[in-house]
Amino acid sequence: MSDFDADDLNAINALIDGMAPLVGLTVDEASRPVVVMHLRTAVRLGRLVLDFPLVDELEHAPVYTP
């Protein structure tokens, strides 16, 4: 959990506050820590994907067509 700073936590809370009403949800204070935990996990996984080094010479996999 040390890979998150106060700015990250502020951004996650802003995301919750901004997105919940758009999708018709109410996040009460008792539920907020669990929502924050799941969003932190999503951010961590996203960073793993975005930070994975790729070289320009790689080619995409062929598309399977039955």
Protein backbone atom coordinates (compact mmCIF):
# COMPACT_ATOMS: atom_id res chain seq x y z
CA MET A 1 0.00 0.00 0.00
CA SER A 2 3.00 2.27 0.17
CA ASP A 3 2.79 2.87 -3.58
CA PHE A 4 -0.07 5.34 -3.00
CA ASP A 5 0.39 8.87 -1.75
CA ALA A 6 -2.08 11.49 -0.50
CA ASP A 7 -2.66 12.77 -4.05
CA ASP A 8 -3.62 9.26 -5.18
CA LEU A 9 -6.05 8.89 -2.29
CA ASN A 10 -7.53 12.33 -3.02
CA ALA A 11 -7.98 11.37 -6.68
CA ILE A 12 -9.66 8.08 -5.74
CA ASN A 13 -12.05 9.85 -3.36
CA ALA A 14 -12.82 12.45 -6.05
CA LEU A 15 -13.54 9.62 -8.48
CA ILE A 16 -15.95 8.02 -6.01
CA ASP A 17 -17.68 11.33 -5.33
CA GLY A 18 -17.95 12.15 -9.03
CA MET A 19 -18.85 8.78 -10.50
CA ALA A 20 -21.24 7.31 -7.92
CA PRO A 21 -24.08 9.74 -8.71
CA LEU A 22 -23.58 9.22 -12.45
CA VAL A 23 -24.26 5.50 -12.10
CA GLY A 24 -27.02 5.96 -9.55
CA LEU A 25 -25.10 4.83 -6.47
CA THR A 26 -24.77 6.25 -3.00
CA VAL A 27 -21.56 5.37 -1.19
CA ASP A 28 -22.05 5.79 2.54
CA GLU A 29 -19.11 6.37 4.87
CA ALA A 30 -19.22 2.78 6.15
CA SER A 31 -18.80 1.44 2.59
CA ARG A 32 -16.22 3.97 1.40
CA PRO A 33 -13.10 2.10 2.68
CA VAL A 34 -14.08 -1.02 0.74
CA VAL A 35 -14.74 0.99 -2.43
CA VAL A 36 -11.38 2.73 -1.99
CA MET A 37 -9.69 -0.66 -1.53
CA HIS A 38 -11.15 -1.98 -4.80
CA LEU A 39 -10.23 1.16 -6.73
CA ARG A 40 -6.70 1.05 -5.33
CA THR A 41 -6.46 -2.54 -6.58
CA ALA A 42 -7.71 -1.45 -10.02
CA VAL A 43 -5.13 1.36 -10.12
CA ARG A 44 -2.35 -1.01 -9.06
CA LEU A 45 -3.29 -3.52 -11.78
CA GLY A 46 -3.57 -0.76 -14.36
CA ARG A 47 -0.10 0.48 -13.47
CA LEU A 48 1.29 -3.04 -13.93
CA VAL A 49 -0.12 -3.17 -17.45
CA LEU A 50 0.91 0.36 -18.41
CA ASP A 51 4.41 0.02 -16.95
CA PHE A 52 5.16 -3.30 -18.68
CA PRO A 53 8.06 -2.69 -21.04
CA LEU A 54 7.40 -3.44 -24.69
CA VAL A 55 9.82 -3.09 -27.56
CA ASP A 56 8.79 -1.63 -30.89
CA GLU A 57 9.74 -4.81 -32.76
CA LEU A 58 6.99 -6.90 -31.15
CA GLU A 59 4.12 -7.97 -33.36
CA HIS A 60 0.56 -8.57 -32.23
CA ALA A 61 -0.77 -12.09 -32.09
CA PRO A 62 -2.70 -13.33 -35.11
CA VAL A 63 -6.47 -13.26 -34.94
CA TYR A 64 -8.07 -16.69 -34.70
CA THR A 65 -10.82 -17.16 -37.27
CA PRO A 66 -12.61 -20.52 -37.18
